[in-house]
Amino acid sequence: RALFLAALAQHAHEGLLILAKFKTNLDYEAELRRRAHSRVGLVEEFRNRRRQFEEVWYGAEPASDGLVRAWLQQLEGRA
């Protein structure tokens, strides 16, 4: 969850999202799609990460070391 929240914070820092307690992950995805429409790859990447996060968060999939490492590399690459 911390990595997903870090990604949201990073997008907010870039001016692509406005964080709010009432927003859902799908709300953030829709907002990102509106604000970063010219960055199709970024929107697709977020959609994939959101799905992965929700699969782990809701217990459908285990969090693997490889998944965590990939998320960390992605976050560090954008920093």
C-alpha atoms as a PDB file:
ATOM      1  CA  ARG A   1       0.000   0.000   0.000  1.00  0.00           C
ATOM      2  CA  ALA A   2       2.856   2.370   0.798  1.00  0.00           C
ATOM      3  CA  LEU A   3       4.192   2.076  -2.750  1.00  0.00           C
ATOM      4  CA  PHE A   4       0.783   2.796  -4.258  1.00  0.00           C
ATOM      5  CA  LEU A   5       0.357   5.831  -1.997  1.00  0.00           C
ATOM      6  CA  ALA A   6       3.859   6.986  -2.933  1.00  0.00           C
ATOM      7  CA  ALA A   7       2.895   6.798  -6.608  1.00  0.00           C
ATOM      8  CA  LEU A   8      -0.212   8.880  -5.922  1.00  0.00           C
ATOM      9  CA  ALA A   9       1.884  11.430  -4.028  1.00  0.00           C
ATOM     10  CA  GLN A  10       4.380  11.581  -6.863  1.00  0.00           C
ATOM     11  CA  HIS A  11       1.644  12.211  -9.429  1.00  0.00           C
ATOM     12  CA  ALA A  12       0.198  14.909  -7.143  1.00  0.00           C
ATOM     13  CA  HIS A  13       3.624  16.522  -6.864  1.00  0.00           C
ATOM     14  CA  GLU A  14       3.803  16.569 -10.671  1.00  0.00           C
ATOM     15  CA  GLY A  15       0.423  18.345 -10.753  1.00  0.00           C
ATOM     16  CA  LEU A  16      -1.365  15.402 -12.343  1.00  0.00           C
ATOM     17  CA  LEU A  17      -3.608  14.565  -9.367  1.00  0.00           C
ATOM     18  CA  ILE A  18      -5.194  16.300  -6.417  1.00  0.00           C
ATOM     19  CA  LEU A  19      -5.230  14.041  -3.380  1.00  0.00           C
ATOM     20  CA  ALA A  20      -8.426  13.762  -1.360  1.00  0.00           C
ATOM     21  CA  LYS A  21      -9.663  11.268   1.240  1.00  0.00           C
ATOM     22  CA  PHE A  22     -12.969  10.726  -0.535  1.00  0.00           C
ATOM     23  CA  LYS A  23     -11.457   9.708  -3.902  1.00  0.00           C
ATOM     24  CA  THR A  24     -11.271   6.092  -4.984  1.00  0.00           C
ATOM     25  CA  ASN A  25      -8.469   4.524  -6.986  1.00  0.00           C
ATOM     26  CA  LEU A  26     -10.727   4.693 -10.051  1.00  0.00           C
ATOM     27  CA  ASP A  27     -11.292   8.401  -9.375  1.00  0.00           C
ATOM     28  CA  TYR A  28      -7.534   8.923  -9.445  1.00  0.00           C
ATOM     29  CA  GLU A  29      -7.220   6.910 -12.635  1.00  0.00           C
ATOM     30  CA  ALA A  30      -9.932   8.998 -14.335  1.00  0.00           C
ATOM     31  CA  GLU A  31      -8.312  12.231 -13.123  1.00  0.00           C
ATOM     32  CA  LEU A  32      -4.943  11.112 -14.415  1.00  0.00           C
ATOM     33  CA  ARG A  33      -6.502  10.200 -17.753  1.00  0.00           C
ATOM     34  CA  ARG A  34      -7.963  13.735 -18.018  1.00  0.00           C
ATOM     35  CA  ARG A  35      -4.843  15.588 -16.905  1.00  0.00           C
ATOM     36  CA  ALA A  36      -2.182  13.433 -18.565  1.00  0.00           C
ATOM     37  CA  HIS A  37      -4.059  12.498 -21.726  1.00  0.00           C
ATOM     38  CA  SER A  38      -0.991  13.197 -23.862  1.00  0.00           C
ATOM     39  CA  ARG A  39       1.052  10.770 -21.723  1.00  0.00           C
ATOM     40  CA  VAL A  40      -0.774   7.576 -22.688  1.00  0.00           C
ATOM     41  CA  GLY A  41       1.999   5.357 -21.338  1.00  0.00           C
ATOM     42  CA  LEU A  42       1.750   6.931 -17.911  1.00  0.00           C
ATOM     43  CA  VAL A  43      -2.005   6.390 -17.766  1.00  0.00           C
ATOM     44  CA  GLU A  44      -1.669   2.753 -18.854  1.00  0.00           C
ATOM     45  CA  GLU A  45       1.113   2.215 -16.325  1.00  0.00           C
ATOM     46  CA  PHE A  46      -1.075   3.635 -13.557  1.00  0.00           C
ATOM     47  CA  ARG A  47      -4.008   1.434 -14.593  1.00  0.00           C
ATOM     48  CA  ASN A  48      -1.797  -1.661 -14.459  1.00  0.00           C
ATOM     49  CA  ARG A  49      -0.345  -0.700 -11.075  1.00  0.00           C
ATOM     50  CA  ARG A  50      -3.815   0.070  -9.696  1.00  0.00           C
ATOM     51  CA  ARG A  51      -5.031  -3.366 -10.766  1.00  0.00           C
ATOM     52  CA  GLN A  52      -1.962  -5.069  -9.283  1.00  0.00           C
ATOM     53  CA  PHE A  53      -2.370  -3.149  -6.025  1.00  0.00           C
ATOM     54  CA  GLU A  54      -6.050  -4.032  -5.739  1.00  0.00           C
ATOM     55  CA  GLU A  55      -5.391  -7.725  -6.464  1.00  0.00           C
ATOM     56  CA  VAL A  56      -2.880  -7.818  -3.608  1.00  0.00           C
ATOM     57  CA  TRP A  57      -4.827  -5.519  -1.269  1.00  0.00           C
ATOM     58  CA  TYR A  58      -8.047  -7.527  -1.583  1.00  0.00           C
ATOM     59  CA  GLY A  59      -6.271 -10.872  -1.303  1.00  0.00           C
ATOM     60  CA  ALA A  60      -6.554 -12.240  -4.834  1.00  0.00           C
ATOM     61  CA  GLU A  61      -2.776 -12.317  -5.367  1.00  0.00           C
ATOM     62  CA  PRO A  62       0.260 -12.404  -3.060  1.00  0.00           C
ATOM     63  CA  ALA A  63       2.732  -9.524  -3.002  1.00  0.00           C
ATOM     64  CA  SER A  64       5.902 -10.918  -4.541  1.00  0.00           C
ATOM     65  CA  ASP A  65       9.453  -9.652  -4.152  1.00  0.00           C
ATOM     66  CA  GLY A  66       9.620  -9.107  -7.904  1.00  0.00           C
ATOM     67  CA  LEU A  67       6.500  -6.959  -7.897  1.00  0.00           C
ATOM     68  CA  VAL A  68       7.779  -4.820  -5.031  1.00  0.00           C
ATOM     69  CA  ARG A  69      11.178  -4.370  -6.684  1.00  0.00           C
ATOM     70  CA  ALA A  70       9.556  -3.367  -9.994  1.00  0.00           C
ATOM     71  CA  TRP A  71       7.403  -0.751  -8.241  1.00  0.00           C
ATOM     72  CA  LEU A  72      10.412   0.637  -6.358  1.00  0.00           C
ATOM     73  CA  GLN A  73      12.482   0.886  -9.538  1.00  0.00           C
ATOM     74  CA  GLN A  74       9.632   2.634 -11.283  1.00  0.00           C
ATOM     75  CA  LEU A  75       9.188   5.154  -8.463  1.00  0.00           C
ATOM     76  CA  GLU A  76      12.919   5.821  -8.190  1.00  0.00           C
ATOM     77  CA  GLY A  77      13.235   6.213 -11.956  1.00  0.00           C
ATOM     78  CA  ARG A  78      10.741   9.059 -11.938  1.00  0.00           C
ATOM     79  CA  ALA A  79      12.214  10.815  -8.902  1.00  0.00           C
END
